[in-house]
N, C-alpha and C. Protein backbone atom coordinates (compact mmCIF):
# COMPACT_ATOMS: atom_id res chain seq x y z
N MET A 1 -10.34 -8.18 -18.98
CA MET A 1 -11.07 -6.93 -19.03
C MET A 1 -11.31 -6.57 -20.49
N ASP A 2 -12.46 -6.02 -20.73
CA ASP A 2 -12.77 -5.65 -22.10
C ASP A 2 -12.31 -4.22 -22.37
N SER A 3 -12.56 -3.73 -23.56
CA SER A 3 -12.09 -2.40 -23.98
C SER A 3 -12.69 -1.27 -23.15
N ARG A 4 -13.79 -1.54 -22.48
CA ARG A 4 -14.41 -0.52 -21.62
C ARG A 4 -13.90 -0.59 -20.18
N GLY A 5 -13.00 -1.51 -19.91
CA GLY A 5 -12.47 -1.64 -18.57
C GLY A 5 -13.33 -2.46 -17.64
N ARG A 6 -14.27 -3.23 -18.18
CA ARG A 6 -15.12 -4.09 -17.36
C ARG A 6 -14.42 -5.41 -17.10
N LEU A 7 -14.49 -5.86 -15.88
CA LEU A 7 -13.89 -7.14 -15.51
C LEU A 7 -14.82 -8.27 -15.95
N ILE A 8 -14.26 -9.21 -16.70
CA ILE A 8 -15.02 -10.37 -17.16
C ILE A 8 -14.20 -11.61 -16.85
N LEU A 9 -14.74 -12.49 -16.01
CA LEU A 9 -14.07 -13.73 -15.68
C LEU A 9 -14.86 -14.88 -16.25
N ALA A 10 -14.17 -15.78 -16.92
CA ALA A 10 -14.83 -16.96 -17.49
C ALA A 10 -13.82 -18.08 -17.62
N ASP A 11 -14.29 -19.28 -17.59
CA ASP A 11 -13.42 -20.44 -17.71
C ASP A 11 -13.94 -21.36 -18.81
N VAL A 12 -14.61 -20.77 -19.80
CA VAL A 12 -15.22 -21.60 -20.82
C VAL A 12 -14.21 -22.25 -21.74
N GLY A 13 -13.00 -21.73 -21.78
CA GLY A 13 -11.98 -22.30 -22.65
C GLY A 13 -11.51 -23.68 -22.22
N VAL A 14 -11.60 -23.97 -20.94
CA VAL A 14 -11.15 -25.27 -20.46
C VAL A 14 -12.26 -26.03 -19.75
N SER A 15 -13.49 -25.58 -19.92
CA SER A 15 -14.61 -26.24 -19.25
C SER A 15 -15.05 -27.49 -20.00
N LYS A 16 -15.53 -28.43 -19.25
CA LYS A 16 -16.16 -29.61 -19.84
C LYS A 16 -17.07 -30.24 -18.79
N ILE A 17 -17.97 -31.08 -19.23
CA ILE A 17 -18.88 -31.74 -18.31
C ILE A 17 -18.15 -32.89 -17.65
N HIS A 18 -18.28 -32.97 -16.33
CA HIS A 18 -17.65 -34.04 -15.57
C HIS A 18 -18.73 -34.92 -14.95
N ARG A 19 -18.41 -36.17 -14.77
CA ARG A 19 -19.36 -37.08 -14.13
C ARG A 19 -19.39 -36.88 -12.62
N GLU A 20 -18.29 -36.40 -12.07
CA GLU A 20 -18.21 -36.17 -10.62
C GLU A 20 -17.93 -34.69 -10.38
N ILE A 21 -18.35 -34.19 -9.23
CA ILE A 21 -18.02 -32.82 -8.90
C ILE A 21 -16.51 -32.73 -8.67
N THR A 22 -15.95 -31.57 -8.92
CA THR A 22 -14.50 -31.39 -8.89
C THR A 22 -13.88 -31.88 -7.60
N SER A 23 -14.49 -31.58 -6.47
CA SER A 23 -13.89 -31.96 -5.18
C SER A 23 -13.84 -33.47 -4.98
N MET A 24 -14.63 -34.22 -5.73
CA MET A 24 -14.64 -35.68 -5.57
C MET A 24 -13.70 -36.38 -6.56
N ARG A 25 -13.27 -35.65 -7.61
CA ARG A 25 -12.38 -36.27 -8.59
C ARG A 25 -10.97 -36.35 -8.03
N GLN A 26 -10.30 -37.44 -8.27
CA GLN A 26 -8.93 -37.62 -7.82
C GLN A 26 -7.91 -37.33 -8.92
N ASP A 27 -8.34 -37.45 -10.16
CA ASP A 27 -7.42 -37.28 -11.28
C ASP A 27 -7.28 -35.81 -11.65
N PRO A 28 -6.06 -35.39 -12.03
CA PRO A 28 -5.87 -34.02 -12.50
C PRO A 28 -6.56 -33.79 -13.84
N THR A 29 -6.69 -32.52 -14.21
CA THR A 29 -7.30 -32.15 -15.48
C THR A 29 -6.40 -32.56 -16.63
N ASN A 30 -6.98 -33.12 -17.69
CA ASN A 30 -6.20 -33.55 -18.85
C ASN A 30 -6.14 -32.49 -19.94
N CYS A 31 -6.88 -31.42 -19.80
CA CYS A 31 -6.91 -30.37 -20.81
C CYS A 31 -5.51 -29.77 -20.99
N GLN A 32 -5.12 -29.55 -22.23
CA GLN A 32 -3.78 -29.03 -22.50
C GLN A 32 -3.79 -27.59 -23.04
N GLN A 33 -4.95 -26.97 -23.16
CA GLN A 33 -5.03 -25.62 -23.71
C GLN A 33 -5.39 -24.63 -22.61
N SER A 34 -4.85 -23.42 -22.73
CA SER A 34 -5.19 -22.37 -21.76
C SER A 34 -4.80 -21.02 -22.34
N THR A 35 -5.17 -19.96 -21.64
CA THR A 35 -4.75 -18.63 -22.00
C THR A 35 -3.29 -18.47 -21.62
N VAL A 36 -2.45 -18.16 -22.58
CA VAL A 36 -1.01 -18.06 -22.33
C VAL A 36 -0.71 -17.02 -21.26
N THR A 37 -1.47 -15.93 -21.25
CA THR A 37 -1.23 -14.86 -20.29
C THR A 37 -1.22 -15.37 -18.85
N TYR A 38 -2.16 -16.22 -18.51
CA TYR A 38 -2.29 -16.69 -17.13
C TYR A 38 -1.76 -18.11 -16.94
N GLU A 39 -1.02 -18.59 -17.91
CA GLU A 39 -0.49 -19.94 -17.87
C GLU A 39 0.55 -20.08 -16.76
N ALA A 40 0.46 -21.16 -16.02
CA ALA A 40 1.40 -21.43 -14.93
C ALA A 40 2.77 -21.80 -15.51
N PRO A 41 3.84 -21.55 -14.76
CA PRO A 41 5.19 -21.83 -15.26
C PRO A 41 5.41 -23.27 -15.70
N GLU A 42 4.74 -24.21 -15.07
CA GLU A 42 4.96 -25.62 -15.39
C GLU A 42 4.19 -26.09 -16.62
N ALA A 43 3.37 -25.25 -17.21
CA ALA A 43 2.47 -25.68 -18.29
C ALA A 43 3.20 -26.28 -19.48
N GLN A 44 4.21 -25.60 -19.98
CA GLN A 44 4.88 -26.09 -21.18
C GLN A 44 5.66 -27.37 -20.92
N SER A 45 6.37 -27.43 -19.81
CA SER A 45 7.14 -28.66 -19.53
C SER A 45 6.21 -29.83 -19.26
N ASP A 46 5.12 -29.59 -18.56
CA ASP A 46 4.15 -30.67 -18.31
C ASP A 46 3.54 -31.16 -19.62
N GLN A 47 3.24 -30.23 -20.51
CA GLN A 47 2.65 -30.62 -21.79
C GLN A 47 3.65 -31.45 -22.61
N ARG A 48 4.92 -31.02 -22.64
CA ARG A 48 5.94 -31.78 -23.37
C ARG A 48 6.09 -33.19 -22.82
N GLU A 49 5.98 -33.31 -21.50
CA GLU A 49 6.15 -34.61 -20.85
C GLU A 49 4.85 -35.41 -20.79
N GLY A 50 3.76 -34.85 -21.32
CA GLY A 50 2.48 -35.54 -21.33
C GLY A 50 1.81 -35.63 -19.97
N LYS A 51 2.21 -34.76 -19.05
CA LYS A 51 1.62 -34.76 -17.71
C LYS A 51 0.30 -34.00 -17.72
N PRO A 52 -0.69 -34.47 -16.99
CA PRO A 52 -1.94 -33.71 -16.86
C PRO A 52 -1.72 -32.49 -15.96
N ARG A 53 -2.61 -31.53 -16.08
CA ARG A 53 -2.51 -30.34 -15.24
C ARG A 53 -3.00 -30.63 -13.83
N GLY A 54 -2.21 -30.24 -12.87
CA GLY A 54 -2.60 -30.38 -11.47
C GLY A 54 -3.55 -29.28 -11.05
N ARG A 55 -4.19 -29.47 -9.93
CA ARG A 55 -5.16 -28.49 -9.42
C ARG A 55 -4.51 -27.15 -9.07
N ARG A 56 -3.24 -27.17 -8.68
CA ARG A 56 -2.59 -25.92 -8.29
C ARG A 56 -2.26 -25.03 -9.48
N TYR A 57 -2.37 -25.57 -10.68
CA TYR A 57 -2.21 -24.76 -11.89
C TYR A 57 -3.21 -23.61 -11.85
N ASP A 58 -4.44 -23.91 -11.47
CA ASP A 58 -5.50 -22.89 -11.40
C ASP A 58 -5.19 -21.81 -10.37
N MET A 59 -4.46 -22.16 -9.33
CA MET A 59 -4.12 -21.17 -8.30
C MET A 59 -3.21 -20.09 -8.89
N TRP A 60 -2.28 -20.51 -9.75
CA TRP A 60 -1.42 -19.53 -10.43
C TRP A 60 -2.29 -18.60 -11.28
N SER A 61 -3.17 -19.18 -12.08
CA SER A 61 -4.03 -18.40 -12.97
C SER A 61 -4.90 -17.42 -12.18
N LEU A 62 -5.45 -17.87 -11.07
CA LEU A 62 -6.24 -16.98 -10.22
C LEU A 62 -5.39 -15.84 -9.67
N GLY A 63 -4.17 -16.15 -9.28
CA GLY A 63 -3.26 -15.11 -8.79
C GLY A 63 -3.03 -14.03 -9.83
N CYS A 64 -2.85 -14.45 -11.09
CA CYS A 64 -2.67 -13.49 -12.19
C CYS A 64 -3.91 -12.61 -12.34
N MET A 65 -5.08 -13.24 -12.36
CA MET A 65 -6.32 -12.49 -12.53
C MET A 65 -6.59 -11.58 -11.33
N PHE A 66 -6.37 -12.09 -10.12
CA PHE A 66 -6.58 -11.27 -8.93
C PHE A 66 -5.65 -10.05 -8.94
N LEU A 67 -4.40 -10.25 -9.38
CA LEU A 67 -3.46 -9.13 -9.41
C LEU A 67 -3.91 -8.09 -10.44
N GLU A 68 -4.28 -8.52 -11.63
CA GLU A 68 -4.77 -7.56 -12.63
C GLU A 68 -6.03 -6.85 -12.14
N PHE A 69 -6.91 -7.58 -11.50
CA PHE A 69 -8.13 -6.98 -10.96
C PHE A 69 -7.79 -5.92 -9.91
N THR A 70 -6.83 -6.21 -9.05
CA THR A 70 -6.44 -5.26 -8.00
C THR A 70 -5.81 -4.01 -8.60
N VAL A 71 -4.98 -4.18 -9.63
CA VAL A 71 -4.41 -3.03 -10.34
C VAL A 71 -5.53 -2.17 -10.91
N TRP A 72 -6.52 -2.81 -11.52
CA TRP A 72 -7.67 -2.08 -12.08
C TRP A 72 -8.46 -1.36 -10.99
N LEU A 73 -8.71 -2.04 -9.90
CA LEU A 73 -9.51 -1.48 -8.81
C LEU A 73 -8.83 -0.27 -8.18
N VAL A 74 -7.53 -0.37 -7.94
CA VAL A 74 -6.79 0.68 -7.25
C VAL A 74 -6.43 1.83 -8.19
N PHE A 75 -6.05 1.50 -9.39
CA PHE A 75 -5.63 2.52 -10.34
C PHE A 75 -6.71 2.70 -11.41
N ASP A 76 -6.56 2.10 -12.57
CA ASP A 76 -7.57 2.19 -13.62
C ASP A 76 -7.22 1.22 -14.74
N TYR A 77 -8.07 1.17 -15.75
CA TYR A 77 -7.86 0.22 -16.83
C TYR A 77 -6.62 0.54 -17.66
N SER A 78 -6.30 1.82 -17.83
CA SER A 78 -5.10 2.17 -18.60
C SER A 78 -3.85 1.65 -17.89
N THR A 79 -3.88 1.58 -16.57
CA THR A 79 -2.75 1.02 -15.82
C THR A 79 -2.66 -0.48 -16.05
N VAL A 80 -3.80 -1.15 -16.16
CA VAL A 80 -3.80 -2.58 -16.49
C VAL A 80 -3.16 -2.78 -17.86
N ARG A 81 -3.53 -1.95 -18.83
CA ARG A 81 -2.94 -2.07 -20.17
C ARG A 81 -1.43 -1.84 -20.13
N SER A 82 -0.99 -0.87 -19.36
CA SER A 82 0.45 -0.61 -19.22
C SER A 82 1.15 -1.79 -18.55
N PHE A 83 0.50 -2.37 -17.56
CA PHE A 83 1.04 -3.53 -16.86
C PHE A 83 1.19 -4.70 -17.82
N ARG A 84 0.19 -4.93 -18.65
CA ARG A 84 0.27 -6.00 -19.65
C ARG A 84 1.41 -5.76 -20.63
N LYS A 85 1.50 -4.52 -21.10
CA LYS A 85 2.55 -4.18 -22.07
C LYS A 85 3.94 -4.39 -21.46
N SER A 86 4.10 -4.07 -20.20
CA SER A 86 5.41 -4.21 -19.55
C SER A 86 5.83 -5.67 -19.39
N ARG A 87 4.89 -6.60 -19.50
CA ARG A 87 5.21 -8.03 -19.36
C ARG A 87 5.48 -8.70 -20.70
N ARG A 88 5.26 -8.03 -21.79
CA ARG A 88 5.43 -8.63 -23.12
C ARG A 88 6.90 -8.89 -23.43
N THR A 89 7.11 -9.93 -24.23
CA THR A 89 8.45 -10.18 -24.77
C THR A 89 8.41 -9.88 -26.26
N ARG A 90 9.46 -9.29 -26.75
CA ARG A 90 9.49 -8.88 -28.16
C ARG A 90 9.50 -10.06 -29.11
N ASP A 91 10.04 -11.19 -28.68
CA ASP A 91 10.21 -12.31 -29.59
C ASP A 91 9.05 -13.30 -29.57
N ASP A 92 7.96 -12.97 -28.91
CA ASP A 92 6.84 -13.91 -28.84
C ASP A 92 5.54 -13.21 -29.24
N PRO A 93 5.20 -13.22 -30.54
CA PRO A 93 4.00 -12.51 -30.99
C PRO A 93 2.70 -13.05 -30.42
N LYS A 94 2.64 -14.32 -30.01
CA LYS A 94 1.40 -14.87 -29.45
C LYS A 94 1.19 -14.42 -28.01
N ASP A 95 2.21 -13.81 -27.44
CA ASP A 95 2.15 -13.36 -26.05
C ASP A 95 1.63 -11.92 -26.00
N ALA A 96 0.39 -11.71 -26.43
CA ALA A 96 -0.17 -10.37 -26.57
C ALA A 96 -0.29 -9.61 -25.25
N PHE A 97 -0.56 -10.31 -24.16
CA PHE A 97 -0.74 -9.63 -22.87
C PHE A 97 0.41 -9.87 -21.91
N GLY A 98 1.40 -10.64 -22.30
CA GLY A 98 2.56 -10.84 -21.47
C GLY A 98 2.35 -11.85 -20.36
N SER A 99 3.38 -12.62 -20.12
CA SER A 99 3.35 -13.64 -19.08
C SER A 99 3.68 -13.04 -17.72
N PHE A 100 3.34 -13.73 -16.68
CA PHE A 100 3.63 -13.29 -15.32
C PHE A 100 4.96 -13.85 -14.82
N PHE A 101 5.63 -14.65 -15.64
CA PHE A 101 6.93 -15.21 -15.27
C PHE A 101 7.86 -15.15 -16.47
N VAL A 102 9.15 -15.31 -16.21
CA VAL A 102 10.15 -15.35 -17.28
C VAL A 102 11.07 -16.54 -17.03
N GLN A 103 11.68 -17.00 -18.11
CA GLN A 103 12.68 -18.04 -18.02
C GLN A 103 14.03 -17.39 -18.28
N THR A 104 14.97 -17.55 -17.35
CA THR A 104 16.28 -16.92 -17.48
C THR A 104 17.14 -17.70 -18.47
N SER A 105 18.30 -17.14 -18.80
CA SER A 105 19.20 -17.79 -19.75
C SER A 105 19.70 -19.14 -19.25
N ASP A 106 19.72 -19.33 -17.94
CA ASP A 106 20.13 -20.63 -17.39
C ASP A 106 18.91 -21.49 -17.02
N ASN A 107 17.78 -21.23 -17.69
CA ASN A 107 16.55 -22.03 -17.60
C ASN A 107 15.87 -22.01 -16.23
N LEU A 108 16.13 -21.00 -15.44
CA LEU A 108 15.40 -20.83 -14.18
C LEU A 108 14.13 -20.04 -14.47
N ILE A 109 13.06 -20.38 -13.77
CA ILE A 109 11.80 -19.65 -13.90
C ILE A 109 11.71 -18.66 -12.74
N GLN A 110 11.36 -17.42 -13.06
CA GLN A 110 11.23 -16.37 -12.05
C GLN A 110 9.96 -15.56 -12.31
N ILE A 111 9.46 -14.96 -11.25
CA ILE A 111 8.34 -14.02 -11.40
C ILE A 111 8.85 -12.85 -12.25
N HIS A 112 8.05 -12.42 -13.21
CA HIS A 112 8.43 -11.31 -14.09
C HIS A 112 8.69 -10.06 -13.25
N SER A 113 9.73 -9.32 -13.58
CA SER A 113 10.06 -8.10 -12.83
C SER A 113 8.91 -7.09 -12.85
N ALA A 114 8.14 -7.06 -13.93
CA ALA A 114 7.00 -6.14 -14.00
C ALA A 114 5.92 -6.52 -12.98
N VAL A 115 5.80 -7.80 -12.67
CA VAL A 115 4.83 -8.26 -11.66
C VAL A 115 5.30 -7.81 -10.28
N ILE A 116 6.58 -7.98 -10.01
CA ILE A 116 7.14 -7.55 -8.72
C ILE A 116 6.99 -6.04 -8.57
N GLU A 117 7.23 -5.31 -9.65
CA GLU A 117 7.09 -3.86 -9.63
C GLU A 117 5.63 -3.45 -9.39
N ALA A 118 4.70 -4.12 -10.04
CA ALA A 118 3.27 -3.81 -9.86
C ALA A 118 2.85 -4.04 -8.41
N ILE A 119 3.31 -5.14 -7.83
CA ILE A 119 2.99 -5.43 -6.43
C ILE A 119 3.57 -4.33 -5.54
N GLY A 120 4.78 -3.88 -5.84
CA GLY A 120 5.38 -2.78 -5.08
C GLY A 120 4.58 -1.49 -5.18
N HIS A 121 4.11 -1.17 -6.39
CA HIS A 121 3.28 0.04 -6.58
C HIS A 121 1.98 -0.08 -5.79
N LEU A 122 1.38 -1.26 -5.83
CA LEU A 122 0.14 -1.46 -5.07
C LEU A 122 0.40 -1.29 -3.58
N ARG A 123 1.46 -1.91 -3.08
CA ARG A 123 1.76 -1.82 -1.64
C ARG A 123 2.01 -0.38 -1.20
N GLY A 124 2.47 0.46 -2.12
CA GLY A 124 2.72 1.86 -1.80
C GLY A 124 1.47 2.72 -1.79
N HIS A 125 0.36 2.18 -2.25
CA HIS A 125 -0.90 2.93 -2.29
C HIS A 125 -1.60 2.80 -0.94
N PRO A 126 -2.20 3.88 -0.41
CA PRO A 126 -2.86 3.82 0.90
C PRO A 126 -3.95 2.74 1.02
N LEU A 127 -4.65 2.43 -0.07
CA LEU A 127 -5.67 1.38 -0.01
C LEU A 127 -5.07 -0.01 0.20
N CYS A 128 -3.79 -0.15 -0.13
CA CYS A 128 -3.15 -1.48 -0.15
C CYS A 128 -2.02 -1.60 0.85
N SER A 129 -1.87 -0.64 1.72
CA SER A 129 -0.78 -0.71 2.70
C SER A 129 -1.36 -0.78 4.10
N GLY A 130 -0.55 -1.24 5.01
CA GLY A 130 -0.99 -1.35 6.39
C GLY A 130 -1.99 -2.47 6.58
N ASP A 131 -2.94 -2.23 7.44
CA ASP A 131 -3.92 -3.25 7.83
C ASP A 131 -5.21 -3.06 7.04
N THR A 132 -5.18 -3.44 5.75
CA THR A 132 -6.34 -3.28 4.89
C THR A 132 -6.66 -4.59 4.18
N ALA A 133 -7.88 -4.69 3.69
CA ALA A 133 -8.30 -5.88 2.95
C ALA A 133 -7.46 -6.07 1.70
N LEU A 134 -7.20 -4.99 0.98
CA LEU A 134 -6.40 -5.11 -0.24
C LEU A 134 -4.95 -5.48 0.07
N ALA A 135 -4.41 -4.99 1.18
CA ALA A 135 -3.05 -5.40 1.57
C ALA A 135 -3.02 -6.90 1.83
N ASP A 136 -4.05 -7.41 2.50
CA ASP A 136 -4.11 -8.85 2.75
C ASP A 136 -4.31 -9.64 1.47
N LEU A 137 -5.10 -9.11 0.54
CA LEU A 137 -5.29 -9.78 -0.75
C LEU A 137 -3.98 -9.84 -1.52
N ILE A 138 -3.24 -8.74 -1.54
CA ILE A 138 -1.95 -8.71 -2.24
C ILE A 138 -0.98 -9.69 -1.61
N GLN A 139 -0.97 -9.75 -0.28
CA GLN A 139 -0.12 -10.72 0.42
C GLN A 139 -0.49 -12.14 0.03
N LEU A 140 -1.77 -12.42 -0.04
CA LEU A 140 -2.26 -13.74 -0.46
C LEU A 140 -1.80 -14.06 -1.88
N ILE A 141 -1.94 -13.11 -2.78
CA ILE A 141 -1.51 -13.31 -4.17
C ILE A 141 -0.02 -13.63 -4.22
N GLN A 142 0.77 -12.82 -3.53
CA GLN A 142 2.22 -12.98 -3.60
C GLN A 142 2.72 -14.24 -2.90
N ASP A 143 2.21 -14.51 -1.73
CA ASP A 143 2.74 -15.61 -0.91
C ASP A 143 2.13 -16.97 -1.20
N HIS A 144 0.92 -17.00 -1.75
CA HIS A 144 0.21 -18.28 -1.87
C HIS A 144 -0.27 -18.63 -3.28
N LEU A 145 -0.31 -17.67 -4.19
CA LEU A 145 -0.81 -17.96 -5.53
C LEU A 145 0.28 -17.85 -6.59
N LEU A 146 0.97 -16.73 -6.64
CA LEU A 146 2.02 -16.55 -7.65
C LEU A 146 3.35 -17.10 -7.14
N GLN A 147 3.38 -18.38 -6.98
CA GLN A 147 4.58 -19.09 -6.55
C GLN A 147 5.05 -19.98 -7.70
N VAL A 148 6.31 -19.82 -8.10
CA VAL A 148 6.86 -20.63 -9.19
C VAL A 148 6.85 -22.10 -8.82
N ASP A 149 7.19 -22.41 -7.57
CA ASP A 149 7.19 -23.79 -7.08
C ASP A 149 5.74 -24.23 -6.88
N VAL A 150 5.33 -25.22 -7.65
CA VAL A 150 3.94 -25.70 -7.60
C VAL A 150 3.53 -26.07 -6.18
N GLN A 151 4.40 -26.74 -5.45
CA GLN A 151 4.06 -27.20 -4.11
C GLN A 151 3.90 -26.05 -3.12
N ALA A 152 4.46 -24.89 -3.43
CA ALA A 152 4.33 -23.72 -2.55
C ALA A 152 3.00 -23.00 -2.74
N ARG A 153 2.30 -23.30 -3.83
CA ARG A 153 0.99 -22.69 -4.07
C ARG A 153 -0.06 -23.33 -3.19
N THR A 154 -0.99 -22.51 -2.75
CA THR A 154 -2.07 -23.00 -1.92
C THR A 154 -3.02 -23.86 -2.75
N GLU A 155 -3.82 -24.63 -2.07
CA GLU A 155 -4.87 -25.41 -2.72
C GLU A 155 -6.20 -24.69 -2.52
N ALA A 156 -7.20 -25.05 -3.31
CA ALA A 156 -8.48 -24.35 -3.31
C ALA A 156 -9.13 -24.23 -1.93
N PRO A 157 -9.18 -25.29 -1.10
CA PRO A 157 -9.82 -25.13 0.21
C PRO A 157 -9.12 -24.09 1.09
N GLU A 158 -7.80 -24.03 1.01
CA GLU A 158 -7.05 -23.04 1.79
C GLU A 158 -7.28 -21.64 1.23
N LEU A 159 -7.34 -21.50 -0.08
CA LEU A 159 -7.64 -20.21 -0.69
C LEU A 159 -9.00 -19.72 -0.24
N LEU A 160 -9.99 -20.60 -0.28
CA LEU A 160 -11.34 -20.25 0.16
C LEU A 160 -11.31 -19.76 1.61
N LYS A 161 -10.61 -20.47 2.46
CA LYS A 161 -10.52 -20.10 3.88
C LYS A 161 -9.91 -18.71 4.04
N ARG A 162 -8.85 -18.43 3.31
CA ARG A 162 -8.18 -17.13 3.41
C ARG A 162 -9.06 -16.00 2.86
N LEU A 163 -9.73 -16.25 1.74
CA LEU A 163 -10.63 -15.23 1.18
C LEU A 163 -11.82 -14.98 2.10
N GLU A 164 -12.37 -16.04 2.67
CA GLU A 164 -13.48 -15.87 3.61
C GLU A 164 -13.05 -15.08 4.83
N SER A 165 -11.82 -15.25 5.27
CA SER A 165 -11.30 -14.50 6.40
C SER A 165 -11.23 -13.00 6.07
N ILE A 166 -10.76 -12.67 4.88
CA ILE A 166 -10.72 -11.28 4.44
C ILE A 166 -12.14 -10.71 4.36
N ILE A 167 -13.05 -11.46 3.77
CA ILE A 167 -14.44 -11.01 3.64
C ILE A 167 -15.08 -10.80 5.01
N HIS A 168 -14.91 -11.77 5.90
CA HIS A 168 -15.50 -11.68 7.24
C HIS A 168 -14.99 -10.43 7.97
N ARG A 169 -13.69 -10.22 7.91
CA ARG A 169 -13.13 -9.05 8.59
C ARG A 169 -13.65 -7.76 7.96
N ALA A 170 -13.77 -7.73 6.63
CA ALA A 170 -14.28 -6.54 5.94
C ALA A 170 -15.72 -6.25 6.35
N GLU A 171 -16.51 -7.31 6.56
CA GLU A 171 -17.90 -7.13 7.00
C GLU A 171 -17.98 -6.59 8.42
N GLN A 172 -16.99 -6.91 9.24
CA GLN A 172 -16.99 -6.49 10.64
C GLN A 172 -16.35 -5.12 10.85
N ASP A 173 -15.41 -4.75 9.97
CA ASP A 173 -14.61 -3.54 10.18
C ASP A 173 -14.54 -2.73 8.88
N GLY A 174 -15.33 -1.69 8.81
CA GLY A 174 -15.37 -0.85 7.61
C GLY A 174 -14.03 -0.21 7.28
N ASN A 175 -13.22 0.11 8.30
CA ASN A 175 -11.91 0.71 8.05
C ASN A 175 -10.95 -0.26 7.38
N TYR A 176 -11.14 -1.53 7.59
CA TYR A 176 -10.32 -2.56 6.96
C TYR A 176 -10.58 -2.59 5.45
N LEU A 177 -11.83 -2.41 5.07
CA LEU A 177 -12.20 -2.42 3.66
C LEU A 177 -12.01 -1.04 3.02
N TYR A 178 -12.45 0.00 3.70
CA TYR A 178 -12.34 1.37 3.20
C TYR A 178 -11.57 2.20 4.22
N PRO A 179 -10.24 2.15 4.16
CA PRO A 179 -9.47 2.88 5.17
C PRO A 179 -9.70 4.38 5.07
N ARG A 180 -9.72 5.00 6.24
CA ARG A 180 -9.86 6.45 6.29
C ARG A 180 -8.47 7.05 6.16
N PHE A 181 -8.37 8.07 5.32
CA PHE A 181 -7.09 8.72 5.10
C PHE A 181 -7.04 10.00 5.92
N VAL A 182 -5.94 10.20 6.60
CA VAL A 182 -5.75 11.40 7.39
C VAL A 182 -5.07 12.43 6.50
N ASP A 183 -5.70 13.59 6.37
CA ASP A 183 -5.13 14.68 5.57
C ASP A 183 -4.35 15.58 6.51
N ASN A 184 -3.03 15.56 6.38
CA ASN A 184 -2.17 16.36 7.26
C ASN A 184 -2.09 17.82 6.81
N ASN A 185 -2.77 18.17 5.73
CA ASN A 185 -2.71 19.54 5.22
C ASN A 185 -3.87 20.41 5.69
N GLY A 186 -4.68 19.92 6.54
CA GLY A 186 -5.75 20.82 6.91
C GLY A 186 -6.79 20.20 7.71
């Protein structure tokens, strides 16, 4: 998001021309650079070991972006800035927007507590609780995208299927997309 709170998505930092379309390529991406903010937990260890990036790396990054987008949509841009600040570590100056995971003292990787807290705040909002499109999107982010275990992350075709399901239901049921709130005060 830019300083005006506009959502801008781009992948130009890791883009390159391929001879085959992505779905036909069998080899993982060899690019070793990415935005640290949305970097998957396995990025540094894979780079040290000379491993190429797998396709599920992008699922983690999408989960990060989808979560920030949902925070912006439900709350506002200042909340996104606060969310970013809450993920920062004091000892890493290059980590300007904060990572979505942390490494514990015993070298375990965990979802950052600020991410868990943000998901909790979203779930507590009427737009994101119960049987709503945003509740389903948050569930998708938590259960299928922001998974520390690479194998637990969904793959692109499954993500597409789940997103299309949310979209289809939203097109059929306006209350699913824009829930009506009951005012008990009058």
